[in-house]
Amino acid sequence: MHRRTFMIAASAACVATPSIAAQRPYVLGKNGARITYTFLLNGVAQSGRIPVSTADIRIDPNDLSNSFVDVSADVRRARTGLVFATQALKSPAVLDANAHPLARFRSTKITLGPQGRISDGAVMSGQLTLRGVTKPIRFDANIFRPTGSAKGDLRQLSVRLRGQLDRTAFGAIGYPELVANTVQMDIDADISAAT
């Protein structure tokens, strides 16, 4: 990836009503998108993945605060490296995957770092729905151009969102003696401008 990042950015104020006409739609690339989650199981870090099933990604290159992300994943397809942990994860005590098969993140606001520059980093705030419960969440957000691409060439991009949540806030309270409450959640997507 090109280390000079082209980051999702915004003004410090909340975007009231995005201008859809200025947004450029993107579709998932050939590598698609995935959600990686990391948690402590009996004090040992474990991780797993959930493939993204749908993604509505719109970027406004002239006003990045006007960009938007809406991502859904089928938690019935969640996997960890341990069979028993995967079964427990999807059980009614944790994600209750049969009753609540979809997880969804929808962005509501994008803000710059304290100096107001793209290079300071960006934060994407939004609403995460998990286990039928919707709560606010924040992600550190980056967009990368491929190495060697021209500055204005935004046809192919990679999106990275990094955040964490308290699983108990969503009612996923099972196995408290084994599984820590804090879960790291990362969303990665290769995207291409829609033609």
N, C-alpha and C. Protein backbone atom coordinates (compact mmCIF):
# COMPACT_ATOMS: atom_id res chain seq x y z
N MET A 1 0.83 -1.19 0.00
CA MET A 1 0.00 0.00 0.00
C MET A 1 0.88 1.25 0.00
N HIS A 2 0.40 2.27 -0.63
CA HIS A 2 1.08 3.56 -0.65
C HIS A 2 1.04 4.13 0.76
N ARG A 3 2.19 4.46 1.32
CA ARG A 3 2.21 4.90 2.71
C ARG A 3 1.74 6.33 2.89
N ARG A 4 1.73 7.12 1.80
CA ARG A 4 1.07 8.42 1.91
C ARG A 4 -0.41 8.13 1.79
N THR A 5 -1.08 8.23 2.84
CA THR A 5 -2.48 7.80 2.83
C THR A 5 -3.39 8.90 2.32
N PHE A 6 -4.41 8.43 1.62
CA PHE A 6 -5.52 9.30 1.24
C PHE A 6 -6.62 8.93 2.21
N MET A 7 -6.80 9.69 3.26
CA MET A 7 -7.68 9.29 4.35
C MET A 7 -9.07 9.87 4.19
N ILE A 8 -10.03 9.10 4.68
CA ILE A 8 -11.37 9.64 4.82
C ILE A 8 -11.28 10.77 5.82
N ALA A 9 -11.90 11.92 5.52
CA ALA A 9 -11.76 13.07 6.39
C ALA A 9 -13.04 13.86 6.42
N ALA A 10 -13.11 14.81 7.35
CA ALA A 10 -14.30 15.63 7.46
C ALA A 10 -14.00 16.87 8.26
N SER A 11 -14.94 17.80 8.26
CA SER A 11 -14.84 18.93 9.15
C SER A 11 -15.16 18.46 10.55
N ALA A 12 -14.86 19.29 11.55
CA ALA A 12 -15.12 18.89 12.93
C ALA A 12 -16.60 18.87 13.24
N ALA A 13 -17.38 19.50 12.41
CA ALA A 13 -18.84 19.53 12.63
C ALA A 13 -19.49 18.33 12.01
N CYS A 14 -20.63 17.99 12.51
CA CYS A 14 -21.40 16.86 11.99
C CYS A 14 -21.95 17.20 10.61
N VAL A 15 -21.93 16.23 9.72
CA VAL A 15 -22.50 16.43 8.39
C VAL A 15 -24.00 16.30 8.51
N ALA A 16 -24.71 17.35 8.20
CA ALA A 16 -26.16 17.35 8.40
C ALA A 16 -26.87 16.48 7.36
N THR A 17 -26.78 16.85 6.09
CA THR A 17 -27.43 16.08 5.04
C THR A 17 -26.46 15.92 3.89
N PRO A 18 -25.91 14.71 3.69
CA PRO A 18 -24.94 14.52 2.62
C PRO A 18 -25.54 14.81 1.25
N SER A 19 -24.71 15.35 0.37
CA SER A 19 -25.13 15.60 -1.00
C SER A 19 -24.81 14.37 -1.82
N ILE A 20 -25.83 13.57 -2.11
CA ILE A 20 -25.62 12.31 -2.80
C ILE A 20 -25.08 12.54 -4.20
N ALA A 21 -25.45 13.66 -4.83
CA ALA A 21 -25.02 13.92 -6.20
C ALA A 21 -23.51 14.01 -6.32
N ALA A 22 -22.83 14.47 -5.26
CA ALA A 22 -21.38 14.63 -5.31
C ALA A 22 -20.64 13.35 -4.93
N GLN A 23 -21.35 12.37 -4.42
CA GLN A 23 -20.71 11.13 -3.99
C GLN A 23 -20.46 10.22 -5.18
N ARG A 24 -19.33 9.53 -5.11
CA ARG A 24 -18.96 8.58 -6.15
C ARG A 24 -19.13 7.17 -5.58
N PRO A 25 -19.99 6.34 -6.18
CA PRO A 25 -20.21 5.00 -5.63
C PRO A 25 -19.04 4.07 -5.92
N TYR A 26 -18.78 3.18 -4.96
CA TYR A 26 -17.74 2.17 -5.10
C TYR A 26 -18.33 0.80 -4.84
N VAL A 27 -17.74 -0.21 -5.48
CA VAL A 27 -18.15 -1.59 -5.27
C VAL A 27 -16.97 -2.37 -4.71
N LEU A 28 -17.27 -3.50 -4.08
CA LEU A 28 -16.21 -4.34 -3.54
C LEU A 28 -15.36 -4.89 -4.67
N GLY A 29 -14.03 -4.88 -4.47
CA GLY A 29 -13.12 -5.43 -5.46
C GLY A 29 -13.06 -6.94 -5.42
N LYS A 30 -12.16 -7.53 -6.16
CA LYS A 30 -12.11 -8.99 -6.27
C LYS A 30 -11.77 -9.66 -4.95
N ASN A 31 -11.07 -8.95 -4.06
CA ASN A 31 -10.75 -9.53 -2.74
C ASN A 31 -11.87 -9.30 -1.73
N GLY A 32 -12.90 -8.59 -2.15
CA GLY A 32 -14.06 -8.36 -1.28
C GLY A 32 -13.73 -7.58 -0.04
N ALA A 33 -14.41 -7.91 1.05
CA ALA A 33 -14.22 -7.22 2.32
C ALA A 33 -14.44 -8.20 3.45
N ARG A 34 -13.87 -7.89 4.61
CA ARG A 34 -14.00 -8.79 5.74
C ARG A 34 -13.97 -8.00 7.04
N ILE A 35 -14.58 -8.58 8.04
CA ILE A 35 -14.51 -8.05 9.40
C ILE A 35 -13.66 -9.03 10.20
N THR A 36 -12.62 -8.52 10.82
CA THR A 36 -11.79 -9.34 11.71
C THR A 36 -12.07 -8.90 13.13
N TYR A 37 -12.32 -9.85 14.01
CA TYR A 37 -12.55 -9.53 15.42
C TYR A 37 -11.52 -10.26 16.27
N THR A 38 -11.06 -9.58 17.31
CA THR A 38 -10.06 -10.14 18.21
C THR A 38 -10.57 -10.03 19.63
N PHE A 39 -10.43 -11.09 20.41
CA PHE A 39 -10.93 -11.12 21.77
C PHE A 39 -10.01 -11.97 22.63
N LEU A 40 -10.12 -11.82 23.94
CA LEU A 40 -9.34 -12.63 24.86
C LEU A 40 -10.18 -13.81 25.35
N LEU A 41 -9.66 -14.99 25.14
CA LEU A 41 -10.30 -16.22 25.60
C LEU A 41 -9.40 -16.83 26.67
N ASN A 42 -9.86 -16.80 27.90
CA ASN A 42 -9.06 -17.28 29.03
C ASN A 42 -7.70 -16.58 29.07
N GLY A 43 -7.72 -15.27 28.72
CA GLY A 43 -6.52 -14.46 28.77
C GLY A 43 -5.62 -14.54 27.55
N VAL A 44 -5.99 -15.37 26.58
CA VAL A 44 -5.17 -15.55 25.37
C VAL A 44 -5.90 -14.92 24.18
N ALA A 45 -5.20 -14.11 23.40
CA ALA A 45 -5.81 -13.45 22.24
C ALA A 45 -6.22 -14.47 21.19
N GLN A 46 -7.45 -14.35 20.73
CA GLN A 46 -7.98 -15.18 19.65
C GLN A 46 -8.60 -14.24 18.62
N SER A 47 -8.68 -14.71 17.39
CA SER A 47 -9.30 -13.87 16.37
C SER A 47 -10.13 -14.72 15.43
N GLY A 48 -10.99 -14.05 14.71
CA GLY A 48 -11.84 -14.72 13.73
C GLY A 48 -12.27 -13.72 12.67
N ARG A 49 -13.04 -14.21 11.72
CA ARG A 49 -13.47 -13.36 10.61
C ARG A 49 -14.93 -13.59 10.27
N ILE A 50 -15.53 -12.53 9.76
CA ILE A 50 -16.87 -12.59 9.20
C ILE A 50 -16.80 -11.92 7.83
N PRO A 51 -17.18 -12.61 6.76
CA PRO A 51 -17.14 -11.95 5.45
C PRO A 51 -18.25 -10.91 5.34
N VAL A 52 -17.94 -9.81 4.69
CA VAL A 52 -18.93 -8.77 4.44
C VAL A 52 -19.85 -9.23 3.33
N SER A 53 -21.15 -9.15 3.55
CA SER A 53 -22.10 -9.60 2.54
C SER A 53 -22.56 -8.47 1.62
N THR A 54 -22.74 -7.27 2.16
CA THR A 54 -23.10 -6.12 1.32
C THR A 54 -22.34 -4.89 1.81
N ALA A 55 -22.05 -4.01 0.88
CA ALA A 55 -21.35 -2.77 1.22
C ALA A 55 -21.80 -1.65 0.30
N ASP A 56 -22.29 -0.59 0.88
CA ASP A 56 -22.63 0.63 0.15
C ASP A 56 -21.60 1.66 0.56
N ILE A 57 -20.67 1.95 -0.34
CA ILE A 57 -19.56 2.87 -0.05
C ILE A 57 -19.61 3.99 -1.07
N ARG A 58 -19.71 5.22 -0.58
CA ARG A 58 -19.75 6.39 -1.46
C ARG A 58 -18.73 7.41 -0.96
N ILE A 59 -17.87 7.85 -1.86
CA ILE A 59 -16.80 8.79 -1.51
C ILE A 59 -16.93 10.03 -2.36
N ASP A 60 -16.86 11.18 -1.72
CA ASP A 60 -16.87 12.46 -2.41
C ASP A 60 -15.43 12.98 -2.42
N PRO A 61 -14.71 12.89 -3.54
CA PRO A 61 -13.30 13.30 -3.57
C PRO A 61 -13.10 14.79 -3.35
N ASN A 62 -14.14 15.59 -3.55
CA ASN A 62 -14.02 17.04 -3.36
C ASN A 62 -14.37 17.48 -1.95
N ASP A 63 -15.11 16.66 -1.24
CA ASP A 63 -15.50 16.97 0.14
C ASP A 63 -15.63 15.65 0.87
N LEU A 64 -14.51 15.18 1.43
CA LEU A 64 -14.49 13.85 2.02
C LEU A 64 -15.43 13.71 3.21
N SER A 65 -15.85 14.83 3.79
CA SER A 65 -16.83 14.76 4.86
C SER A 65 -18.18 14.28 4.37
N ASN A 66 -18.36 14.32 3.06
CA ASN A 66 -19.61 13.91 2.44
C ASN A 66 -19.59 12.44 2.04
N SER A 67 -18.59 11.68 2.51
CA SER A 67 -18.49 10.26 2.20
C SER A 67 -19.35 9.45 3.16
N PHE A 68 -19.59 8.19 2.79
CA PHE A 68 -20.57 7.39 3.52
C PHE A 68 -20.25 5.91 3.37
N VAL A 69 -20.46 5.15 4.46
CA VAL A 69 -20.24 3.70 4.45
C VAL A 69 -21.41 3.01 5.13
N ASP A 70 -21.89 1.93 4.51
CA ASP A 70 -22.95 1.10 5.10
C ASP A 70 -22.58 -0.35 4.78
N VAL A 71 -22.18 -1.09 5.81
CA VAL A 71 -21.64 -2.44 5.62
C VAL A 71 -22.46 -3.43 6.44
N SER A 72 -22.81 -4.57 5.83
CA SER A 72 -23.52 -5.63 6.54
C SER A 72 -22.76 -6.95 6.39
N ALA A 73 -22.89 -7.79 7.42
CA ALA A 73 -22.24 -9.10 7.40
C ALA A 73 -23.18 -10.13 8.03
N ASP A 74 -23.12 -11.35 7.53
CA ASP A 74 -23.93 -12.45 8.05
C ASP A 74 -23.14 -13.16 9.15
N VAL A 75 -23.53 -12.95 10.40
CA VAL A 75 -22.76 -13.51 11.51
C VAL A 75 -22.88 -15.03 11.59
N ARG A 76 -23.81 -15.62 10.85
CA ARG A 76 -23.88 -17.08 10.80
C ARG A 76 -22.65 -17.66 10.11
N ARG A 77 -21.92 -16.82 9.36
CA ARG A 77 -20.71 -17.26 8.68
C ARG A 77 -19.44 -16.89 9.46
N ALA A 78 -19.61 -16.45 10.70
CA ALA A 78 -18.45 -16.11 11.53
C ALA A 78 -17.62 -17.36 11.82
N ARG A 79 -16.32 -17.19 11.86
CA ARG A 79 -15.40 -18.29 12.14
C ARG A 79 -14.29 -17.81 13.05
N THR A 80 -13.83 -18.69 13.93
CA THR A 80 -12.61 -18.47 14.69
C THR A 80 -11.69 -19.65 14.40
N GLY A 81 -10.50 -19.62 14.97
CA GLY A 81 -9.57 -20.73 14.76
C GLY A 81 -9.91 -21.96 15.58
N LEU A 82 -10.89 -21.85 16.47
CA LEU A 82 -11.27 -22.95 17.35
C LEU A 82 -12.73 -23.30 17.11
N VAL A 83 -13.01 -24.58 16.83
CA VAL A 83 -14.38 -24.99 16.51
C VAL A 83 -15.32 -24.70 17.67
N PHE A 84 -14.91 -25.01 18.90
CA PHE A 84 -15.80 -24.79 20.04
C PHE A 84 -16.05 -23.31 20.27
N ALA A 85 -15.05 -22.48 19.99
CA ALA A 85 -15.22 -21.03 20.16
C ALA A 85 -16.18 -20.48 19.10
N THR A 86 -16.11 -21.01 17.89
CA THR A 86 -17.03 -20.60 16.83
C THR A 86 -18.46 -20.94 17.21
N GLN A 87 -18.67 -22.15 17.73
CA GLN A 87 -20.01 -22.56 18.14
C GLN A 87 -20.53 -21.68 19.27
N ALA A 88 -19.67 -21.39 20.24
CA ALA A 88 -20.07 -20.54 21.36
C ALA A 88 -20.38 -19.13 20.89
N LEU A 89 -19.59 -18.62 19.96
CA LEU A 89 -19.78 -17.27 19.43
C LEU A 89 -21.16 -17.09 18.82
N LYS A 90 -21.62 -18.09 18.08
CA LYS A 90 -22.89 -17.99 17.38
C LYS A 90 -24.09 -18.42 18.22
N SER A 91 -23.83 -18.86 19.44
CA SER A 91 -24.89 -19.37 20.32
C SER A 91 -25.80 -18.24 20.80
N PRO A 92 -26.98 -18.59 21.34
CA PRO A 92 -27.88 -17.56 21.87
C PRO A 92 -27.26 -16.71 22.98
N ALA A 93 -26.27 -17.23 23.69
CA ALA A 93 -25.65 -16.48 24.78
C ALA A 93 -24.71 -15.38 24.31
N VAL A 94 -24.28 -15.48 23.04
CA VAL A 94 -23.34 -14.46 22.54
C VAL A 94 -24.00 -13.72 21.37
N LEU A 95 -23.76 -14.13 20.13
CA LEU A 95 -24.31 -13.38 18.99
C LEU A 95 -25.74 -13.78 18.62
N ASP A 96 -26.18 -14.93 19.08
CA ASP A 96 -27.53 -15.41 18.75
C ASP A 96 -27.75 -15.31 17.24
N ALA A 97 -26.86 -15.96 16.51
CA ALA A 97 -26.80 -15.79 15.06
C ALA A 97 -28.07 -16.22 14.34
N ASN A 98 -28.74 -17.25 14.82
CA ASN A 98 -29.96 -17.69 14.13
C ASN A 98 -31.08 -16.66 14.26
N ALA A 99 -31.19 -16.04 15.41
CA ALA A 99 -32.24 -15.04 15.62
C ALA A 99 -31.87 -13.67 15.04
N HIS A 100 -30.57 -13.37 15.01
CA HIS A 100 -30.08 -12.06 14.54
C HIS A 100 -28.92 -12.28 13.57
N PRO A 101 -29.21 -12.72 12.35
CA PRO A 101 -28.14 -13.12 11.43
C PRO A 101 -27.29 -11.99 10.88
N LEU A 102 -27.78 -10.75 10.90
CA LEU A 102 -27.02 -9.66 10.29
C LEU A 102 -26.43 -8.70 11.31
N ALA A 103 -25.18 -8.34 11.09
CA ALA A 103 -24.54 -7.23 11.78
C ALA A 103 -24.41 -6.11 10.75
N ARG A 104 -24.57 -4.87 11.21
CA ARG A 104 -24.53 -3.76 10.25
C ARG A 104 -23.86 -2.54 10.87
N PHE A 105 -22.99 -1.89 10.09
CA PHE A 105 -22.42 -0.60 10.47
C PHE A 105 -22.80 0.43 9.43
N ARG A 106 -23.32 1.56 9.92
CA ARG A 106 -23.72 2.67 9.05
C ARG A 106 -23.08 3.94 9.58
N SER A 107 -22.28 4.60 8.75
CA SER A 107 -21.59 5.81 9.21
C SER A 107 -22.55 6.98 9.36
N THR A 108 -22.23 7.86 10.31
CA THR A 108 -23.05 9.06 10.53
C THR A 108 -22.21 10.34 10.53
N LYS A 109 -20.91 10.23 10.76
CA LYS A 109 -20.08 11.41 10.89
C LYS A 109 -18.62 11.05 10.68
N ILE A 110 -17.87 11.94 10.05
CA ILE A 110 -16.44 11.74 9.84
C ILE A 110 -15.72 13.00 10.29
N THR A 111 -14.70 12.85 11.12
CA THR A 111 -13.99 14.02 11.65
C THR A 111 -12.48 13.88 11.46
N LEU A 112 -11.82 15.03 11.34
CA LEU A 112 -10.36 15.10 11.23
C LEU A 112 -9.72 15.10 12.60
N GLY A 113 -8.39 15.00 12.60
CA GLY A 113 -7.61 15.13 13.82
C GLY A 113 -7.58 16.55 14.32
N PRO A 114 -6.87 16.82 15.44
CA PRO A 114 -6.90 18.13 16.08
C PRO A 114 -6.36 19.28 15.23
N GLN A 115 -5.45 18.99 14.31
CA GLN A 115 -4.90 20.06 13.47
C GLN A 115 -5.74 20.32 12.22
N GLY A 116 -6.78 19.52 12.01
CA GLY A 116 -7.65 19.74 10.87
C GLY A 116 -7.06 19.32 9.54
N ARG A 117 -6.03 18.47 9.58
CA ARG A 117 -5.41 18.00 8.34
C ARG A 117 -5.71 16.52 8.13
N ILE A 118 -5.74 16.10 6.88
CA ILE A 118 -5.97 14.70 6.57
C ILE A 118 -4.89 13.83 7.20
N SER A 119 -3.65 14.31 7.22
CA SER A 119 -2.54 13.53 7.75
C SER A 119 -2.63 13.31 9.25
N ASP A 120 -3.50 14.04 9.94
CA ASP A 120 -3.68 13.85 11.39
C ASP A 120 -4.49 12.60 11.70
N GLY A 121 -5.09 12.01 10.70
CA GLY A 121 -5.95 10.85 10.93
C GLY A 121 -7.40 11.26 10.89
N ALA A 122 -8.26 10.29 10.75
CA ALA A 122 -9.69 10.55 10.69
C ALA A 122 -10.42 9.55 11.57
N VAL A 123 -11.57 9.95 12.04
CA VAL A 123 -12.43 9.09 12.84
C VAL A 123 -13.79 9.02 12.16
N MET A 124 -14.27 7.79 11.95
CA MET A 124 -15.59 7.60 11.40
C MET A 124 -16.51 7.12 12.52
N SER A 125 -17.52 7.88 12.79
CA SER A 125 -18.52 7.51 13.80
C SER A 125 -19.75 6.97 13.09
N GLY A 126 -20.46 6.09 13.79
CA GLY A 126 -21.66 5.55 13.18
C GLY A 126 -22.44 4.70 14.15
N GLN A 127 -23.37 3.93 13.60
CA GLN A 127 -24.23 3.06 14.39
C GLN A 127 -23.95 1.61 14.01
N LEU A 128 -23.66 0.80 15.03
CA LEU A 128 -23.45 -0.63 14.81
C LEU A 128 -24.66 -1.38 15.36
N THR A 129 -25.23 -2.23 14.52
CA THR A 129 -26.32 -3.10 14.95
C THR A 129 -25.78 -4.52 15.04
N LEU A 130 -25.88 -5.08 16.23
CA LEU A 130 -25.36 -6.41 16.50
C LEU A 130 -26.31 -7.09 17.47
N ARG A 131 -26.72 -8.28 17.13
CA ARG A 131 -27.64 -9.02 17.99
C ARG A 131 -28.97 -8.29 18.18
N GLY A 132 -29.34 -7.51 17.16
CA GLY A 132 -30.58 -6.76 17.22
C GLY A 132 -30.52 -5.48 18.02
N VAL A 133 -29.34 -5.13 18.53
CA VAL A 133 -29.15 -3.93 19.35
C VAL A 133 -28.29 -2.95 18.56
N THR A 134 -28.68 -1.69 18.54
CA THR A 134 -27.94 -0.65 17.82
C THR A 134 -27.30 0.30 18.83
N LYS A 135 -25.98 0.50 18.69
CA LYS A 135 -25.23 1.38 19.58
C LYS A 135 -24.23 2.19 18.75
N PRO A 136 -23.83 3.36 19.26
CA PRO A 136 -22.81 4.13 18.54
C PRO A 136 -21.44 3.47 18.66
N ILE A 137 -20.62 3.66 17.64
CA ILE A 137 -19.25 3.14 17.63
C ILE A 137 -18.39 4.09 16.82
N ARG A 138 -17.10 4.10 17.12
CA ARG A 138 -16.15 4.95 16.40
C ARG A 138 -15.02 4.08 15.84
N PHE A 139 -14.59 4.42 14.63
CA PHE A 139 -13.48 3.72 14.00
C PHE A 139 -12.41 4.72 13.58
N ASP A 140 -11.14 4.36 13.76
CA ASP A 140 -10.07 5.06 13.06
C ASP A 140 -10.20 4.66 11.59
N ALA A 141 -10.15 5.64 10.70
CA ALA A 141 -10.46 5.38 9.29
C ALA A 141 -9.32 5.82 8.38
N ASN A 142 -8.99 4.95 7.43
CA ASN A 142 -7.98 5.26 6.42
C ASN A 142 -8.44 4.76 5.06
N ILE A 143 -8.04 5.48 4.01
CA ILE A 143 -8.19 5.00 2.64
C ILE A 143 -6.81 5.09 2.00
N PHE A 144 -6.39 4.02 1.33
CA PHE A 144 -5.09 3.98 0.68
C PHE A 144 -5.26 3.82 -0.83
N ARG A 145 -4.43 4.56 -1.57
CA ARG A 145 -4.31 4.31 -3.00
C ARG A 145 -3.27 3.22 -3.20
N PRO A 146 -3.36 2.44 -4.29
CA PRO A 146 -2.32 1.45 -4.57
C PRO A 146 -0.97 2.13 -4.78
N THR A 147 0.08 1.45 -4.41
CA THR A 147 1.44 1.98 -4.62
C THR A 147 1.65 2.30 -6.09
N GLY A 148 2.19 3.49 -6.34
CA GLY A 148 2.49 3.90 -7.71
C GLY A 148 1.35 4.59 -8.43
N SER A 149 0.18 4.66 -7.81
CA SER A 149 -0.95 5.31 -8.48
C SER A 149 -0.81 6.83 -8.41
N ALA A 150 -1.37 7.51 -9.38
CA ALA A 150 -1.32 8.96 -9.42
C ALA A 150 -2.17 9.55 -8.30
N LYS A 151 -1.79 10.74 -7.85
CA LYS A 151 -2.47 11.37 -6.72
C LYS A 151 -3.97 11.47 -6.92
N GLY A 152 -4.40 11.79 -8.12
CA GLY A 152 -5.83 11.97 -8.36
C GLY A 152 -6.56 10.71 -8.82
N ASP A 153 -5.83 9.59 -8.91
CA ASP A 153 -6.43 8.35 -9.40
C ASP A 153 -7.10 7.62 -8.24
N LEU A 154 -8.42 7.70 -8.19
CA LEU A 154 -9.18 7.10 -7.09
C LEU A 154 -10.02 5.91 -7.56
N ARG A 155 -9.61 5.30 -8.66
CA ARG A 155 -10.40 4.19 -9.20
C ARG A 155 -10.32 2.95 -8.31
N GLN A 156 -9.15 2.70 -7.73
CA GLN A 156 -8.96 1.54 -6.86
C GLN A 156 -8.48 2.05 -5.49
N LEU A 157 -9.16 1.62 -4.43
CA LEU A 157 -8.80 2.07 -3.09
C LEU A 157 -8.92 0.91 -2.11
N SER A 158 -8.21 1.05 -1.00
CA SER A 158 -8.37 0.11 0.11
C SER A 158 -8.84 0.89 1.32
N VAL A 159 -9.87 0.39 1.98
CA VAL A 159 -10.46 1.04 3.15
C VAL A 159 -10.10 0.23 4.39
N ARG A 160 -9.71 0.93 5.46
CA ARG A 160 -9.45 0.28 6.74
C ARG A 160 -10.18 1.04 7.84
N LEU A 161 -10.95 0.31 8.63
CA LEU A 161 -11.62 0.87 9.80
C LEU A 161 -11.20 0.05 11.01
N ARG A 162 -10.76 0.72 12.08
CA ARG A 162 -10.28 0.04 13.29
C ARG A 162 -11.02 0.59 14.50
N GLY A 163 -11.65 -0.30 15.28
CA GLY A 163 -12.38 0.14 16.46
C GLY A 163 -12.53 -0.99 17.46
N GLN A 164 -13.26 -0.71 18.53
CA GLN A 164 -13.52 -1.74 19.51
C GLN A 164 -14.89 -1.53 20.14
N LEU A 165 -15.41 -2.60 20.74
CA LEU A 165 -16.72 -2.52 21.37
C LEU A 165 -16.74 -3.35 22.64
N ASP A 166 -17.73 -3.05 23.48
CA ASP A 166 -18.01 -3.85 24.67
C ASP A 166 -19.16 -4.78 24.29
N ARG A 167 -18.88 -6.06 24.21
CA ARG A 167 -19.90 -7.01 23.73
C ARG A 167 -21.13 -7.04 24.61
N THR A 168 -20.96 -6.78 25.91
CA THR A 168 -22.11 -6.84 26.81
C THR A 168 -23.11 -5.73 26.54
N ALA A 169 -22.67 -4.61 25.93
CA ALA A 169 -23.57 -3.52 25.58
C ALA A 169 -24.59 -3.96 24.54
N PHE A 170 -24.26 -5.02 23.80
CA PHE A 170 -25.15 -5.54 22.76
C PHE A 170 -25.89 -6.79 23.24
N GLY A 171 -25.76 -7.12 24.51
CA GLY A 171 -26.44 -8.29 25.05
C GLY A 171 -25.69 -9.59 24.87
N ALA A 172 -24.45 -9.53 24.37
CA ALA A 172 -23.64 -10.74 24.17
C ALA A 172 -22.89 -11.02 25.47
N ILE A 173 -23.59 -11.57 26.44
CA ILE A 173 -23.04 -11.67 27.80
C ILE A 173 -22.54 -13.08 28.16
N GLY A 174 -22.63 -14.01 27.24
CA GLY A 174 -22.26 -15.39 27.54
C GLY A 174 -20.79 -15.59 27.85
N TYR A 175 -20.50 -16.59 28.67
CA TYR A 175 -19.16 -17.04 29.01
C TYR A 175 -18.27 -15.94 29.61
N PRO A 176 -18.79 -15.18 30.57
CA PRO A 176 -18.00 -14.08 31.14
C PRO A 176 -16.75 -14.55 31.88
N GLU A 177 -16.76 -15.78 32.36
CA GLU A 177 -15.60 -16.29 33.08
C GLU A 177 -14.46 -16.66 32.14
N LEU A 178 -14.75 -16.76 30.84
CA LEU A 178 -13.74 -17.15 29.85
C LEU A 178 -13.40 -16.05 28.85
N VAL A 179 -14.41 -15.27 28.46
CA VAL A 179 -14.22 -14.31 27.37
C VAL A 179 -14.29 -12.88 27.89
N ALA A 180 -13.28 -12.07 27.56
CA ALA A 180 -13.26 -10.66 27.96
C ALA A 180 -14.37 -9.90 27.25
N ASN A 181 -14.80 -8.81 27.86
CA ASN A 181 -15.90 -8.03 27.29
C ASN A 181 -15.48 -7.21 26.08
N THR A 182 -14.24 -6.73 26.05
CA THR A 182 -13.78 -5.86 24.97
C THR A 182 -13.40 -6.68 23.75
N VAL A 183 -13.93 -6.29 22.60
CA VAL A 183 -13.64 -6.96 21.33
C VAL A 183 -13.12 -5.92 20.35
N GLN A 184 -11.96 -6.21 19.77
CA GLN A 184 -11.41 -5.36 18.71
C GLN A 184 -12.08 -5.73 17.40
N MET A 185 -12.52 -4.74 16.64
CA MET A 185 -13.19 -5.01 15.37
C MET A 185 -12.55 -4.19 14.27
N ASP A 186 -12.09 -4.86 13.22
CA ASP A 186 -11.44 -4.21 12.09
C ASP A 186 -12.19 -4.57 10.82
N ILE A 187 -12.43 -3.57 9.98
CA ILE A 187 -13.09 -3.78 8.69
C ILE A 187 -12.11 -3.41 7.60
N ASP A 188 -11.87 -4.33 6.69
CA ASP A 188 -10.97 -4.09 5.55
C ASP A 188 -11.72 -4.36 4.26
N ALA A 189 -11.56 -3.46 3.30
CA ALA A 189 -12.25 -3.63 2.01
C ALA A 189 -11.40 -3.08 0.88
N ASP A 190 -11.30 -3.84 -0.18
CA ASP A 190 -10.75 -3.34 -1.45
C ASP A 190 -11.94 -2.92 -2.29
N ILE A 191 -11.90 -1.68 -2.77
CA ILE A 191 -13.05 -1.16 -3.49
C ILE A 191 -12.62 -0.56 -4.84
N SER A 192 -13.56 -0.55 -5.76
CA SER A 192 -13.34 0.00 -7.08
C SER A 192 -14.48 0.96 -7.41
N ALA A 193 -14.15 2.03 -8.10
CA ALA A 193 -15.20 2.97 -8.53
C ALA A 193 -16.17 2.26 -9.45
N ALA A 194 -17.46 2.44 -9.16
CA ALA A 194 -18.48 1.80 -9.99
C ALA A 194 -18.47 2.40 -11.38
N THR A 195 -18.71 1.56 -12.36
CA THR A 195 -18.69 2.06 -13.75
C THR A 195 -20.13 2.21 -14.26
